[in-house]
């Protein structure tokens, strides 16, 4: 009963799951894992999970894997870009932990892999929107400062014109008295 139950949990999970040896090589994966990366069992057999991760994510993955192997951490979680078989780049969150008898630090490593491409895209869009809003705010402040400067210049010009008109009227009054 227990074996069938755990096999079913592994096979039917919507979360990608893989069992790795301590050398990082995939031993077995579930359907969600294969679907996420786009490879079949033969293509994944004996392959290192790290090979599926884009160069930009390798340091984060390797660091977490090493910490787990060296016993500095019980779990390692990283979000890394990966290369699906069909091409392009996507993002996944990988949660690594030991499996097997704990007195030996586990004989295997379980990798739970979740596609976070959509979340990364949403976060990037939000960041871009925030940057646009900030840029618009700065532009609005600049426009407001320019408008205030122009109002100040206009008030000074009006004051100077009024002063000139007043002086002109005085000069005219003086000229009329003198005549």
Foldseek 3Di string as FASTA:
>chain_A
DVVVVVVCCQQVPCWKKFKAFLVQATCDIHPNVCVVQVHDPVVRHRHGPLVFFDPVFNVLVVVQSVCLSVVVDQKGWDKGWGARPVGDIFIKIWIKGADDDPVVSHRIIMITIDTCRVVVVVVVVVVVVVVVVVVVVVVVVVVVVVVVVVVVVVVVVVVVVVVVVVVVVVVVVVVVVVD
